[in-house]
C-alpha atoms as a PDB file:
ATOM      1  CA  MET A   1      -0.167  17.651  11.567  1.00  0.00           C
ATOM      2  CA  ASN A   2      -0.308  18.176   7.908  1.00  0.00           C
ATOM      3  CA  THR A   3      -3.634  18.461   5.997  1.00  0.00           C
ATOM      4  CA  TYR A   4      -3.966  16.006   3.012  1.00  0.00           C
ATOM      5  CA  LEU A   5      -3.974  17.700  -0.289  1.00  0.00           C
ATOM      6  CA  PRO A   6      -4.637  15.688  -3.475  1.00  0.00           C
ATOM      7  CA  GLY A   7      -1.740  15.444  -5.824  1.00  0.00           C
ATOM      8  CA  SER A   8      -1.482  16.230  -9.471  1.00  0.00           C
ATOM      9  CA  HIS A   9      -1.361  13.419 -12.069  1.00  0.00           C
ATOM     10  CA  VAL A  10      -0.855  13.973 -15.788  1.00  0.00           C
ATOM     11  CA  ILE A  11      -1.295  11.064 -18.106  1.00  0.00           C
ATOM     12  CA  ALA A  12      -0.677  11.721 -21.807  1.00  0.00           C
ATOM     13  CA  THR A  13      -0.065  10.423 -25.277  1.00  0.00           C
ATOM     14  CA  LEU A  14       2.246  12.559 -27.476  1.00  0.00           C
ATOM     15  CA  GLU A  15       3.097  12.337 -31.143  1.00  0.00           C
ATOM     16  CA  SER A  16       6.597  13.325 -32.295  1.00  0.00           C
ATOM     17  CA  GLU A  17       8.217  13.561 -35.660  1.00  0.00           C
ATOM     18  CA  GLN A  18      11.719  13.206 -34.147  1.00  0.00           C
ATOM     19  CA  PRO A  19      12.386   9.441 -34.096  1.00  0.00           C
ATOM     20  CA  GLU A  20      15.936   9.867 -32.894  1.00  0.00           C
ATOM     21  CA  LEU A  21      14.661  11.318 -29.664  1.00  0.00           C
ATOM     22  CA  LEU A  22      12.169   8.475 -29.341  1.00  0.00           C
ATOM     23  CA  ARG A  23      15.145   6.118 -29.350  1.00  0.00           C
ATOM     24  CA  ASP A  24      17.516   8.006 -27.103  1.00  0.00           C
ATOM     25  CA  ALA A  25      16.897   6.991 -23.420  1.00  0.00           C
ATOM     26  CA  GLY A  26      20.241   8.539 -22.417  1.00  0.00           C
ATOM     27  CA  SER A  27      19.350  12.087 -23.471  1.00  0.00           C
ATOM     28  CA  PHE A  28      15.891  11.648 -21.916  1.00  0.00           C
ATOM     29  CA  LYS A  29      17.346  10.585 -18.653  1.00  0.00           C
ATOM     30  CA  GLN A  30      19.731  13.695 -18.694  1.00  0.00           C
ATOM     31  CA  LEU A  31      16.554  15.852 -19.135  1.00  0.00           C
ATOM     32  CA  ILE A  32      14.743  14.218 -16.204  1.00  0.00           C
ATOM     33  CA  ASP A  33      17.829  14.428 -13.970  1.00  0.00           C
ATOM     34  CA  ARG A  34      18.038  18.184 -14.750  1.00  0.00           C
ATOM     35  CA  LEU A  35      14.314  18.609 -14.009  1.00  0.00           C
ATOM     36  CA  VAL A  36      14.597  16.707 -10.655  1.00  0.00           C
ATOM     37  CA  VAL A  37      17.230  19.112  -9.493  1.00  0.00           C
ATOM     38  CA  GLN A  38      15.541  22.204 -11.017  1.00  0.00           C
ATOM     39  CA  TYR A  39      12.287  21.549  -9.167  1.00  0.00           C
ATOM     40  CA  ASP A  40      13.999  20.293  -5.848  1.00  0.00           C
ATOM     41  CA  LEU A  41      12.424  16.750  -6.134  1.00  0.00           C
ATOM     42  CA  ARG A  42      13.934  13.711  -4.370  1.00  0.00           C
ATOM     43  CA  GLN A  43      14.748  10.883  -6.579  1.00  0.00           C
ATOM     44  CA  LEU A  44      14.807   7.418  -4.946  1.00  0.00           C
ATOM     45  CA  GLY A  45      15.656   5.404  -7.980  1.00  0.00           C
ATOM     46  CA  GLU A  46      15.245   4.913 -11.697  1.00  0.00           C
ATOM     47  CA  VAL A  47      15.119   2.232 -14.368  1.00  0.00           C
ATOM     48  CA  TYR A  48      15.582   2.709 -17.991  1.00  0.00           C
ATOM     49  CA  HIS A  49      15.460   0.018 -20.665  1.00  0.00           C
ATOM     50  CA  ALA A  50      16.197   0.576 -24.531  1.00  0.00           C
ATOM     51  CA  PHE A  51      14.463  -1.783 -26.865  1.00  0.00           C
ATOM     52  CA  THR A  52      15.711  -3.239 -30.083  1.00  0.00           C
ATOM     53  CA  PRO A  53      15.429  -1.819 -32.709  1.00  0.00           C
ATOM     54  CA  GLY A  54      14.393   1.281 -30.876  1.00  0.00           C
ATOM     55  CA  GLY A  55      12.275   2.994 -28.275  1.00  0.00           C
ATOM     56  CA  PHE A  56      12.847   2.860 -24.532  1.00  0.00           C
ATOM     57  CA  THR A  57      10.873   2.836 -21.297  1.00  0.00           C
ATOM     58  CA  GLY A  58      11.845   4.477 -18.098  1.00  0.00           C
ATOM     59  CA  ILE A  59      10.534   5.271 -14.515  1.00  0.00           C
ATOM     60  CA  VAL A  60      11.873   7.479 -12.032  1.00  0.00           C
ATOM     61  CA  CYS A  61      10.799   6.887  -8.476  1.00  0.00           C
ATOM     62  CA  LEU A  62      10.488   9.990  -6.393  1.00  0.00           C
ATOM     63  CA  SER A  63       9.559  10.573  -2.711  1.00  0.00           C
ATOM     64  CA  GLU A  64       6.875  12.782  -4.217  1.00  0.00           C
ATOM     65  CA  SER A  65       5.746   9.791  -6.446  1.00  0.00           C
ATOM     66  CA  HIS A  66       6.945   9.221 -10.023  1.00  0.00           C
ATOM     67  CA  ILE A  67       7.676  10.199 -13.764  1.00  0.00           C
ATOM     68  CA  SER A  68       7.424   7.345 -16.295  1.00  0.00           C
ATOM     69  CA  ILE A  69       7.566   7.137 -20.040  1.00  0.00           C
ATOM     70  CA  HIS A  70       7.288   4.620 -22.895  1.00  0.00           C
ATOM     71  CA  THR A  71       8.283   5.573 -26.445  1.00  0.00           C
ATOM     72  CA  TRP A  72       7.138   3.842 -29.727  1.00  0.00           C
ATOM     73  CA  PRO A  73       9.292   5.336 -32.536  1.00  0.00           C
ATOM     74  CA  GLU A  74       7.721   3.064 -35.096  1.00  0.00           C
ATOM     75  CA  PHE A  75       4.387   4.900 -34.275  1.00  0.00           C
ATOM     76  CA  ARG A  76       5.917   8.291 -33.466  1.00  0.00           C
ATOM     77  CA  LYS A  77       4.183   7.968 -30.001  1.00  0.00           C
ATOM     78  CA  VAL A  78       5.153   8.775 -26.378  1.00  0.00           C
ATOM     79  CA  ASN A  79       3.088   7.586 -23.333  1.00  0.00           C
ATOM     80  CA  LEU A  80       3.714   9.818 -20.389  1.00  0.00           C
ATOM     81  CA  ASP A  81       2.710   9.658 -16.736  1.00  0.00           C
ATOM     82  CA  ILE A  82       3.800  12.254 -14.204  1.00  0.00           C
ATOM     83  CA  TYR A  83       2.365  12.198 -10.659  1.00  0.00           C
ATOM     84  CA  LEU A  84       3.568  14.386  -7.761  1.00  0.00           C
ATOM     85  CA  SER A  85       1.938  14.536  -4.272  1.00  0.00           C
ATOM     86  CA  ASN A  86       1.089  17.877  -2.624  1.00  0.00           C
ATOM     87  CA  TYR A  87       2.070  16.553   0.808  1.00  0.00           C
ATOM     88  CA  LEU A  88       4.931  18.711   1.878  1.00  0.00           C
ATOM     89  CA  ARG A  89       4.454  21.491  -0.813  1.00  0.00           C
ATOM     90  CA  GLU A  90       2.067  22.449  -3.686  1.00  0.00           C
ATOM     91  CA  ASN A  91       3.365  20.700  -6.755  1.00  0.00           C
ATOM     92  CA  ASP A  92       0.609  21.347  -9.309  1.00  0.00           C
ATOM     93  CA  GLY A  93       2.677  23.966 -11.104  1.00  0.00           C
ATOM     94  CA  THR A  94       5.758  21.654 -11.090  1.00  0.00           C
ATOM     95  CA  VAL A  95       3.753  18.858 -12.828  1.00  0.00           C
ATOM     96  CA  GLN A  96       2.540  21.149 -15.421  1.00  0.00           C
ATOM     97  CA  ALA A  97       6.004  22.623 -16.031  1.00  0.00           C
ATOM     98  CA  ILE A  98       7.598  19.215 -16.352  1.00  0.00           C
ATOM     99  CA  PHE A  99       5.000  18.178 -18.727  1.00  0.00           C
ATOM    100  CA  GLU A 100       5.467  21.157 -20.917  1.00  0.00           C
ATOM    101  CA  THR A 101       9.340  20.647 -20.907  1.00  0.00           C
ATOM    102  CA  ILE A 102       8.802  17.100 -21.996  1.00  0.00           C
ATOM    103  CA  VAL A 103       6.504  17.936 -24.903  1.00  0.00           C
ATOM    104  CA  ALA A 104       8.932  20.694 -26.037  1.00  0.00           C
ATOM    105  CA  TYR A 105      11.847  18.184 -25.753  1.00  0.00           C
ATOM    106  CA  PHE A 106      10.168  15.860 -28.227  1.00  0.00           C
ATOM    107  CA  GLU A 107       8.788  18.653 -30.304  1.00  0.00           C
ATOM    108  CA  ALA A 108       5.525  16.841 -29.781  1.00  0.00           C
ATOM    109  CA  ARG A 109       1.876  17.282 -30.310  1.00  0.00           C
ATOM    110  CA  VAL A 110      -0.330  16.307 -27.506  1.00  0.00           C
ATOM    111  CA  LEU A 111      -2.902  13.626 -28.706  1.00  0.00           C
ATOM    112  CA  ASP A 112      -4.519  12.783 -25.283  1.00  0.00           C
ATOM    113  CA  HIS A 113      -4.039  14.480 -22.056  1.00  0.00           C
ATOM    114  CA  HIS A 114      -5.661  13.771 -18.620  1.00  0.00           C
ATOM    115  CA  LYS A 115      -5.299  15.853 -15.430  1.00  0.00           C
ATOM    116  CA  ILE A 116      -6.271  14.009 -12.262  1.00  0.00           C
ATOM    117  CA  LYS A 117      -6.232  15.322  -8.828  1.00  0.00           C
ATOM    118  CA  ARG A 118      -5.840  12.476  -6.373  1.00  0.00           C
END
């Protein structure tokens, strides 16, 4: 029987001076698809929605848990939520690497950042 290990959850608000990226759900989806493969995660489903005149929301459901985002180009903001369980393997480093990759993708500054073990 496996022993329960708390997962790693990052919740953050970012600021980006790249409004075109904050409006481009397709490019962000490609990034997440690449990260799912790179870190050997199991994607169960996804939903993305682009808003008019800009911004998008998205959630990727994983067997390990989820990655979700909401962008606000008019405010230069990104709300980000990444949670991976540690049930079958330790994913703390993976959560941090995905977070850092998304920050770099948006060329963003981290305004608020919380790490939670749960």
